[in-house]
Structure formats: structure tokens, C-alpha cells
Amino acid sequence: MDNPSNPDPQNDPLLAVPAPGARWERDVLEKLVLSTLAEQRSARRWRNGLRLAWLLVFVVLLWLGFHKADPSMDINGPHTAVVEIKGEIAAGADASADAILSALHSAFEAEEAKAVVLQINSPGGSPVQAGMIYDEIVRLKKKHDKPIYAVCEEECASAAYYIASATNQIYADKASIVGSIGVLMDGFGFTGLMDKLGVQRRLLTAGANKGMLDPFSPESEAQKAYAQAMLDQIHQQFILAVKNGRGERLKETPDMFSGLFWNGAQAVNLGLVDGLGSVDYVAREIVKADTLVDYTQRENVAERLAKRFGAAMGHAAVGALTATPALH
């Protein structure tokens, strides 16, 4: 009779002694499982460490981006402050009023800066942004009693010249493009092509002029005249700013305010420019402080990353409102 308190190892699988081959297979399986777990833990640690490293890099870039040093802190002696106006003058661009005015404030407030030089290479842009910069230059000149000069490089046209005319003196290279004192509003008209293709424009508006200058609708003479009158007013504002800035130095011709542009040598003869010279020339010969310090506000990698992150978040928030009517 079997004794239940003393089970037979041969009949109990839990107590049975595995054969040598089975024990070897079990050991190999255990080692394989342990090795796999170890590899997974190691890979997880690497992933977490890499994520942490990227996070630290991002935080450092943000910190550097938002704790930029004031250029004036690096200079102990007299110098010429340089502010660059490059590319299109527009809101949100490198040459926006916000960016330029921030640099100008730092340059004018720096005690060791003997003068400010605008280094301009721009085809123009927004008359609104240019007007804001022009008015602030006039104010800063009076407040700080510090001269400001403009140096035209490849281009100093339209809104860029608008800004330059607010300075005490303007210099250019003999081959620089200067002038283009005019205003434009451009667009396209597709009505003829749509008629050929049999495409109908279905535009509903609340307000007789809400679809004004729509490129897919027939041009209205009344709306065209209204837009032209508005451009003429802005043009007169531009002309008045140039006349106030240049004063008696201008040698007006019938074409001066027609939108034409001239090279630097011609611009000197017309009184649009005071002389030929570079930034170095102005600093050395005019300001008498040949050390140049760049006060231009430049967007760095951290700021671009922050803007893209903010834009992505804003786009997600705006997406929830796209079904509502808009007042544009």
C-alpha cells in the first residue's frame, strides 16, 4: 500500500529527477531568457538615457536662446554700433520693426557707442513696418543726441530707402541700387481662363466690397479706383518722409518719386545719398571710431525651435475653431 506522506519520486513529475538531456535544455532556456531580459533592460536604459540627453540639449538651447548677452557688455571702449537690415522688411521677418527697433534701442542706449550705422541690403517691404522704424529713429536721435548713418550695400530700395531717409547721412557703393520711391499692390486675374475652362466662381459676401480685388472675380472699376486712391495716399506719406529726412539735399526731378531707382553714383548727384563709402569707411572717417560692434538681433536655433513648437501647439488649438465664421 502506498504511503501518501512519502510519495514515489518516479510517479510524481514534480519530484522526478530530469534526465541529463532535459536538464541541459532547461539550463540553456533559462540562460536564453535571462540574456533576453538583460538585453531588453540595457536597450531600455539606452533609450531613456538618449531621451534624457536630447531633453537636456533642448533645455540648454532654450536657455541660451532666451539669455542672450547684450553686445555692449563685450566692449569697454568707444565703438560704432552696427544694426543690419537685410532682406524683406515685414512683420515676422528678420528685418521686422520689432527686431530692428530692439537693436536700435540697445545701440542708442550704449554709452560707448559713438554713433549708429544701419547696414542696409534690402529690396523693401511693408510701408507700415518701415514707417514704424522711421518714426522711432527720429525719436531716438532727439532723445540720445547720437548720430545715425545708413550704408546701402547691394540694395536700398523702396521701404528700405524709406528707413534710410530718417538717418543723418546716407552712404552707398557706386553700384548700389538706391531709390524706388513708390508703392505697389500686385495680384492676378483668372476670369478669362476660368471662362475658357467653364469654371464658375461662386463667392458669397456680406458687404458689397468684401470680395474686393478677388482674383477669381471680374475687376470692379469702383473698387480699383478706391485701391488706387489708397496707394496714392501711402505714396504721399513716403514722399513726405523722404523730403523731411533729406531736406534741401534733394535735387528733385520729375522721375524722383516715380518708382525709378538709380545706382549709387547717380543717387549722390540727385541728393538721395550723401557720399560713397562702406560701413568701415563711415566708422573710420565719419564717426572716428573704427571698432565695429554688431547689435543686430539674430534668431538662433533655440528660438526657431521654440517658435516651431509654439506654432504646432497653436495650430492644434485653432483647428478646433475652423468650423466657425471668421472676420478676415
Protein backbone atom coordinates (compact mmCIF):
# COMPACT_ATOMS: atom_id res chain seq x y z
CA MET A 1 0.00 0.00 0.00
CA ASP A 2 1.29 3.40 -0.97
CA ASN A 3 2.15 5.87 1.74
CA PRO A 4 0.73 9.34 0.78
CA SER A 5 3.18 11.06 3.14
CA ASN A 6 6.09 9.54 1.27
CA PRO A 7 5.36 9.91 -2.45
CA ASP A 8 7.23 7.93 -5.01
CA PRO A 9 9.61 10.24 -6.94
CA GLN A 10 9.19 8.10 -10.00
CA ASN A 11 5.42 8.67 -10.07
CA ASP A 12 5.44 12.36 -9.11
CA PRO A 13 6.52 14.63 -12.02
CA LEU A 14 7.44 17.45 -9.62
CA LEU A 15 9.91 15.23 -7.79
CA ALA A 16 11.13 13.26 -10.73
CA VAL A 17 14.81 13.76 -11.49
CA PRO A 18 15.14 15.07 -15.04
CA ALA A 19 17.22 13.20 -17.46
CA PRO A 20 20.62 14.70 -18.26
CA GLY A 21 19.41 15.90 -21.69
CA ALA A 22 16.32 17.58 -20.25
CA ARG A 23 18.39 19.36 -17.56
CA TRP A 24 20.73 20.74 -20.25
CA GLU A 25 17.82 22.04 -22.33
CA ARG A 26 16.31 23.72 -19.26
CA ASP A 27 19.62 25.41 -18.40
CA VAL A 28 20.02 26.67 -21.94
CA LEU A 29 16.44 28.00 -21.94
CA GLU A 30 16.97 29.79 -18.62
CA LYS A 31 20.17 31.38 -19.88
CA LEU A 32 18.43 32.47 -23.08
CA VAL A 33 15.55 34.07 -21.17
CA LEU A 34 17.91 35.80 -18.74
CA SER A 35 20.05 37.05 -21.62
CA THR A 36 16.99 38.38 -23.45
CA LEU A 37 15.76 40.17 -20.33
CA ALA A 38 19.19 41.68 -19.78
CA GLU A 39 19.33 42.92 -23.38
CA GLN A 40 15.86 44.45 -23.06
CA ARG A 41 16.84 46.22 -19.83
CA SER A 42 20.03 47.52 -21.45
CA ALA A 43 18.14 48.76 -24.53
CA ARG A 44 15.56 50.44 -22.31
CA ARG A 45 18.30 52.18 -20.34
CA TRP A 46 19.92 53.39 -23.57
CA ARG A 47 16.60 54.72 -24.89
CA ASN A 48 15.84 56.51 -21.64
CA GLY A 49 19.36 57.92 -21.47
CA LEU A 50 19.17 59.13 -25.07
CA ARG A 51 15.81 60.78 -24.45
CA LEU A 52 17.17 62.48 -21.36
CA ALA A 53 20.22 63.68 -23.29
CA TRP A 54 18.05 65.20 -26.04
CA LEU A 55 15.87 66.84 -23.41
CA LEU A 56 18.92 68.37 -21.74
CA VAL A 57 20.22 69.64 -25.09
CA PHE A 58 16.83 71.22 -25.85
CA VAL A 59 16.68 72.88 -22.42
CA VAL A 60 20.22 74.24 -22.79
CA LEU A 61 19.44 75.62 -26.26
CA LEU A 62 16.32 77.30 -24.94
CA TRP A 63 18.25 78.79 -22.02
CA LEU A 64 20.95 80.12 -24.35
CA GLY A 65 18.31 81.48 -26.69
CA PHE A 66 16.49 83.44 -24.03
CA HIS A 67 19.57 84.64 -22.14
CA LYS A 68 21.50 86.33 -24.92
CA ALA A 69 24.20 88.71 -23.84
CA ASP A 70 23.95 92.41 -24.58
CA PRO A 71 26.60 93.23 -27.24
CA SER A 72 27.52 96.40 -25.38
CA MET A 73 28.69 94.30 -22.41
CA ASP A 74 31.58 92.94 -24.51
CA ILE A 75 33.05 96.34 -25.40
CA ASN A 76 34.74 98.66 -22.91
CA GLY A 77 35.88 101.37 -25.31
CA PRO A 78 34.42 103.69 -27.93
CA HIS A 79 32.92 101.92 -30.92
CA THR A 80 30.47 102.22 -33.81
CA ALA A 81 27.22 100.34 -33.30
CA VAL A 82 26.02 98.43 -36.38
CA VAL A 83 22.42 97.30 -36.98
CA GLU A 84 21.80 95.19 -40.06
CA ILE A 85 18.63 95.48 -42.16
CA LYS A 86 18.73 92.54 -44.54
CA GLY A 87 16.05 91.00 -46.75
CA GLU A 88 12.37 91.80 -46.86
CA ILE A 89 11.07 94.32 -44.34
CA ALA A 90 7.98 92.58 -42.98
CA ALA A 91 6.30 91.54 -39.76
CA GLY A 92 7.80 88.29 -38.51
CA ALA A 93 10.86 88.58 -40.78
CA ASP A 94 14.46 89.15 -39.70
CA ALA A 95 14.01 92.79 -40.75
CA SER A 96 10.75 93.35 -38.88
CA ALA A 97 10.10 96.53 -36.90
CA ASP A 98 10.26 94.57 -33.63
CA ALA A 99 13.72 93.15 -34.39
CA ILE A 100 15.18 96.37 -35.79
CA LEU A 101 13.81 98.60 -33.02
CA SER A 102 15.09 96.28 -30.31
CA ALA A 103 18.58 96.51 -31.80
CA LEU A 104 18.34 100.28 -32.24
CA HIS A 105 17.32 100.80 -28.62
CA SER A 106 20.35 98.82 -27.42
CA ALA A 107 22.67 100.69 -29.76
CA PHE A 108 21.44 104.17 -28.83
CA GLU A 109 21.48 103.39 -25.11
CA ALA A 110 25.05 102.05 -25.16
CA GLU A 111 27.23 104.80 -23.68
CA GLU A 112 30.38 103.70 -25.51
CA ALA A 113 28.63 103.67 -28.92
CA LYS A 114 29.60 106.95 -30.56
CA ALA A 115 27.18 106.53 -33.46
CA VAL A 116 24.82 104.01 -35.02
CA VAL A 117 25.15 102.69 -38.57
CA LEU A 118 22.33 100.94 -40.42
CA GLN A 119 23.89 98.37 -42.76
CA ILE A 120 21.13 98.01 -45.36
CA ASN A 121 20.74 95.36 -48.03
CA SER A 122 17.02 95.14 -48.74
CA PRO A 123 14.64 95.48 -51.72
CA GLY A 124 11.97 96.95 -49.43
CA GLY A 125 8.77 95.59 -47.99
CA SER A 126 5.96 96.78 -45.75
CA PRO A 127 5.35 100.53 -45.58
CA VAL A 128 3.84 100.00 -42.12
CA GLN A 129 6.98 98.33 -40.74
CA ALA A 130 9.19 100.93 -42.45
CA GLY A 131 7.10 103.78 -41.06
CA MET A 132 7.38 102.42 -37.53
CA ILE A 133 11.17 102.20 -37.82
CA TYR A 134 11.41 105.67 -39.43
CA ASP A 135 9.40 107.34 -36.64
CA GLU A 136 11.42 105.61 -33.92
CA ILE A 137 14.73 106.64 -35.49
CA VAL A 138 13.57 110.27 -35.45
CA ARG A 139 12.62 109.95 -31.78
CA LEU A 140 15.84 108.20 -30.74
CA LYS A 141 18.03 110.81 -32.47
CA LYS A 142 16.42 113.57 -30.44
CA LYS A 143 16.39 111.65 -27.17
CA HIS A 144 20.03 110.50 -27.19
CA ASP A 145 21.61 113.22 -29.33
CA LYS A 146 23.55 110.50 -31.13
CA PRO A 147 24.08 110.45 -34.91
CA ILE A 148 22.85 107.59 -37.06
CA TYR A 149 24.05 106.80 -40.57
CA ALA A 150 22.79 104.47 -43.29
CA VAL A 151 25.09 102.47 -45.55
CA CYS A 152 23.48 100.99 -48.68
CA GLU A 153 25.05 97.79 -49.91
CA GLU A 154 23.59 95.90 -52.91
CA GLU A 155 20.05 97.27 -52.50
CA CYS A 156 18.42 100.08 -50.56
CA ALA A 157 15.10 100.39 -52.32
CA SER A 158 11.50 101.27 -51.55
CA ALA A 159 10.76 100.67 -47.83
CA ALA A 160 14.49 100.26 -47.15
CA TYR A 161 15.17 103.74 -48.52
CA TYR A 162 12.17 104.99 -46.53
CA ILE A 163 14.05 103.93 -43.38
CA ALA A 164 17.42 105.25 -44.60
CA SER A 165 15.98 108.72 -45.20
CA ALA A 166 15.42 109.10 -41.43
CA THR A 167 19.17 108.94 -40.72
CA ASN A 168 21.58 111.86 -40.54
CA GLN A 169 23.52 110.81 -43.63
CA ILE A 170 23.34 108.05 -46.24
CA TYR A 171 26.31 106.38 -47.92
CA ALA A 172 26.39 103.81 -50.70
CA ASP A 173 28.65 101.98 -53.10
CA LYS A 174 28.84 103.47 -56.60
CA ALA A 175 26.98 100.42 -57.95
CA SER A 176 24.35 100.12 -55.18
CA ILE A 177 20.66 100.17 -56.18
CA VAL A 178 19.01 103.15 -54.47
CA GLY A 179 15.54 104.69 -54.59
CA SER A 180 12.35 103.13 -55.95
CA ILE A 181 10.23 105.66 -54.08
CA GLY A 182 6.81 104.25 -54.85
CA VAL A 183 4.08 101.89 -53.61
CA LEU A 184 2.59 98.83 -55.27
CA MET A 185 -0.16 96.29 -54.73
CA ASP A 186 0.01 93.28 -57.02
CA GLY A 187 -2.12 90.25 -57.78
CA PHE A 188 -3.54 88.12 -60.60
CA GLY A 189 -6.79 87.82 -62.53
CA PHE A 190 -8.06 84.43 -63.72
CA THR A 191 -11.53 85.27 -65.04
CA GLY A 192 -10.63 84.80 -68.74
CA LEU A 193 -9.03 81.41 -68.12
CA MET A 194 -11.99 80.33 -65.98
CA ASP A 195 -14.40 81.22 -68.79
CA LYS A 196 -12.42 79.07 -71.24
CA LEU A 197 -12.42 76.15 -68.83
CA GLY A 198 -16.08 76.56 -67.96
CA VAL A 199 -15.36 77.19 -64.29
CA GLN A 200 -17.78 79.33 -62.29
CA ARG A 201 -16.75 81.46 -59.33
CA ARG A 202 -19.29 81.17 -56.53
CA LEU A 203 -18.49 83.81 -53.94
CA LEU A 204 -20.92 84.87 -51.23
CA THR A 205 -20.18 88.01 -49.23
CA ALA A 206 -21.91 90.08 -46.58
CA GLY A 207 -20.84 93.56 -47.64
CA ALA A 208 -20.64 94.89 -51.20
CA ASN A 209 -16.84 95.27 -51.09
CA LYS A 210 -15.92 92.23 -49.01
CA GLY A 211 -14.67 90.40 -52.10
CA MET A 212 -12.66 93.39 -53.29
CA LEU A 213 -9.76 92.52 -55.62
CA ASP A 214 -10.69 88.83 -55.59
CA PRO A 215 -8.54 87.31 -58.40
CA PHE A 216 -11.34 84.95 -59.48
CA SER A 217 -13.99 87.66 -59.89
CA PRO A 218 -14.34 90.38 -62.56
CA GLU A 219 -12.50 93.60 -61.72
CA SER A 220 -14.68 96.44 -60.46
CA GLU A 221 -13.68 99.89 -61.65
CA ALA A 222 -15.03 101.48 -58.47
CA GLN A 223 -13.02 99.13 -56.26
CA LYS A 224 -9.93 99.62 -58.43
CA ALA A 225 -10.24 103.40 -58.06
CA TYR A 226 -10.61 103.05 -54.29
CA ALA A 227 -7.45 100.89 -54.06
CA GLN A 228 -5.53 103.32 -56.26
CA ALA A 229 -6.53 106.26 -54.05
CA MET A 230 -5.28 104.36 -51.00
CA LEU A 231 -1.94 103.63 -52.72
CA ASP A 232 -1.62 107.30 -53.70
CA GLN A 233 -2.08 108.32 -50.06
CA ILE A 234 0.61 105.90 -48.89
CA HIS A 235 2.86 107.17 -51.67
CA GLN A 236 2.44 110.74 -50.45
CA GLN A 237 3.34 109.61 -46.92
CA PHE A 238 6.52 108.04 -48.36
CA ILE A 239 7.40 111.19 -50.31
CA LEU A 240 6.83 113.41 -47.29
CA ALA A 241 9.07 111.20 -45.12
CA VAL A 242 11.88 111.36 -47.70
CA LYS A 243 11.56 115.14 -48.08
CA ASN A 244 11.58 115.65 -44.31
CA GLY A 245 14.60 113.41 -43.91
CA ARG A 246 16.69 114.66 -46.82
CA GLY A 247 15.59 118.29 -46.78
CA GLU A 248 17.39 120.66 -49.13
CA ARG A 249 19.86 117.98 -50.16
CA LEU A 250 17.30 116.55 -52.59
CA LYS A 251 17.58 117.69 -56.19
CA GLU A 252 14.07 116.82 -57.29
CA THR A 253 13.38 115.66 -60.82
CA PRO A 254 10.08 114.59 -62.42
CA ASP A 255 11.12 110.94 -62.00
CA MET A 256 12.43 111.12 -58.44
CA PHE A 257 9.21 109.86 -56.84
CA SER A 258 8.02 107.76 -59.78
CA GLY A 259 9.39 104.45 -58.51
CA LEU A 260 12.60 104.59 -60.54
CA PHE A 261 15.86 103.52 -58.97
CA TRP A 262 19.45 104.62 -59.55
CA ASN A 263 22.96 103.40 -58.88
CA GLY A 264 24.94 104.86 -56.02
CA ALA A 265 26.88 107.36 -58.12
CA GLN A 266 23.66 108.72 -59.67
CA ALA A 267 22.00 108.81 -56.24
CA VAL A 268 24.77 111.10 -54.96
CA ASN A 269 24.11 113.56 -57.80
CA LEU A 270 20.37 113.52 -57.03
CA GLY A 271 20.88 114.12 -53.32
CA LEU A 272 19.40 110.76 -52.38
CA VAL A 273 22.80 109.75 -50.96
CA ASP A 274 25.41 111.93 -49.25
CA GLY A 275 28.52 110.12 -50.44
CA LEU A 276 30.18 106.87 -51.44
CA GLY A 277 31.50 104.62 -48.71
CA SER A 278 31.23 101.37 -46.78
CA VAL A 279 30.46 100.64 -43.14
CA ASP A 280 34.19 100.59 -42.38
CA TYR A 281 34.65 103.93 -44.13
CA VAL A 282 31.84 105.56 -42.16
CA ALA A 283 33.14 104.18 -38.85
CA ARG A 284 36.73 105.21 -39.57
CA GLU A 285 36.32 108.55 -41.35
CA ILE A 286 32.95 109.89 -40.21
CA VAL A 287 32.36 108.51 -36.72
CA LYS A 288 36.08 108.29 -35.86
CA ALA A 289 35.53 105.02 -34.01
CA ASP A 290 36.68 102.19 -36.24
CA THR A 291 35.78 99.38 -33.82
CA LEU A 292 32.52 97.85 -35.03
CA VAL A 293 30.03 96.13 -32.73
CA ASP A 294 27.05 94.32 -34.24
CA TYR A 295 23.83 94.99 -32.31
CA THR A 296 21.59 93.12 -34.77
CA GLN A 297 19.04 90.87 -33.11
CA ARG A 298 19.55 87.45 -34.69
CA GLU A 299 17.23 84.50 -34.16
CA ASN A 300 19.19 81.47 -33.02
CA VAL A 301 18.44 77.74 -33.14
CA ALA A 302 16.72 77.73 -29.77
CA GLU A 303 14.31 80.49 -30.74
CA ARG A 304 13.47 78.76 -34.01
CA LEU A 305 12.75 75.52 -32.15
CA ALA A 306 10.58 77.37 -29.65
CA LYS A 307 8.66 79.11 -32.42
CA ARG A 308 8.04 75.87 -34.26
CA PHE A 309 6.85 74.21 -31.07
CA GLY A 310 4.55 77.13 -30.34
CA ALA A 311 3.24 77.18 -33.89
CA ALA A 312 2.42 73.47 -33.72
CA MET A 313 0.53 73.93 -30.46
CA GLY A 314 -1.29 76.96 -31.84
CA HIS A 315 -2.26 75.10 -35.00
CA ALA A 316 -3.83 72.33 -32.93
CA ALA A 317 -5.82 74.85 -30.90
CA VAL A 318 -7.00 76.77 -33.96
CA GLY A 319 -8.09 73.56 -35.62
CA ALA A 320 -10.95 73.30 -33.18
CA LEU A 321 -12.30 76.67 -34.34
CA THR A 322 -12.16 76.21 -38.10
CA ALA A 323 -15.88 75.49 -38.37
CA THR A 324 -16.84 78.94 -37.05
CA PRO A 325 -17.31 82.07 -39.20
CA ALA A 326 -14.23 84.29 -39.48
CA LEU A 327 -13.83 88.03 -39.76
CA HIS A 328 -10.87 88.47 -42.13
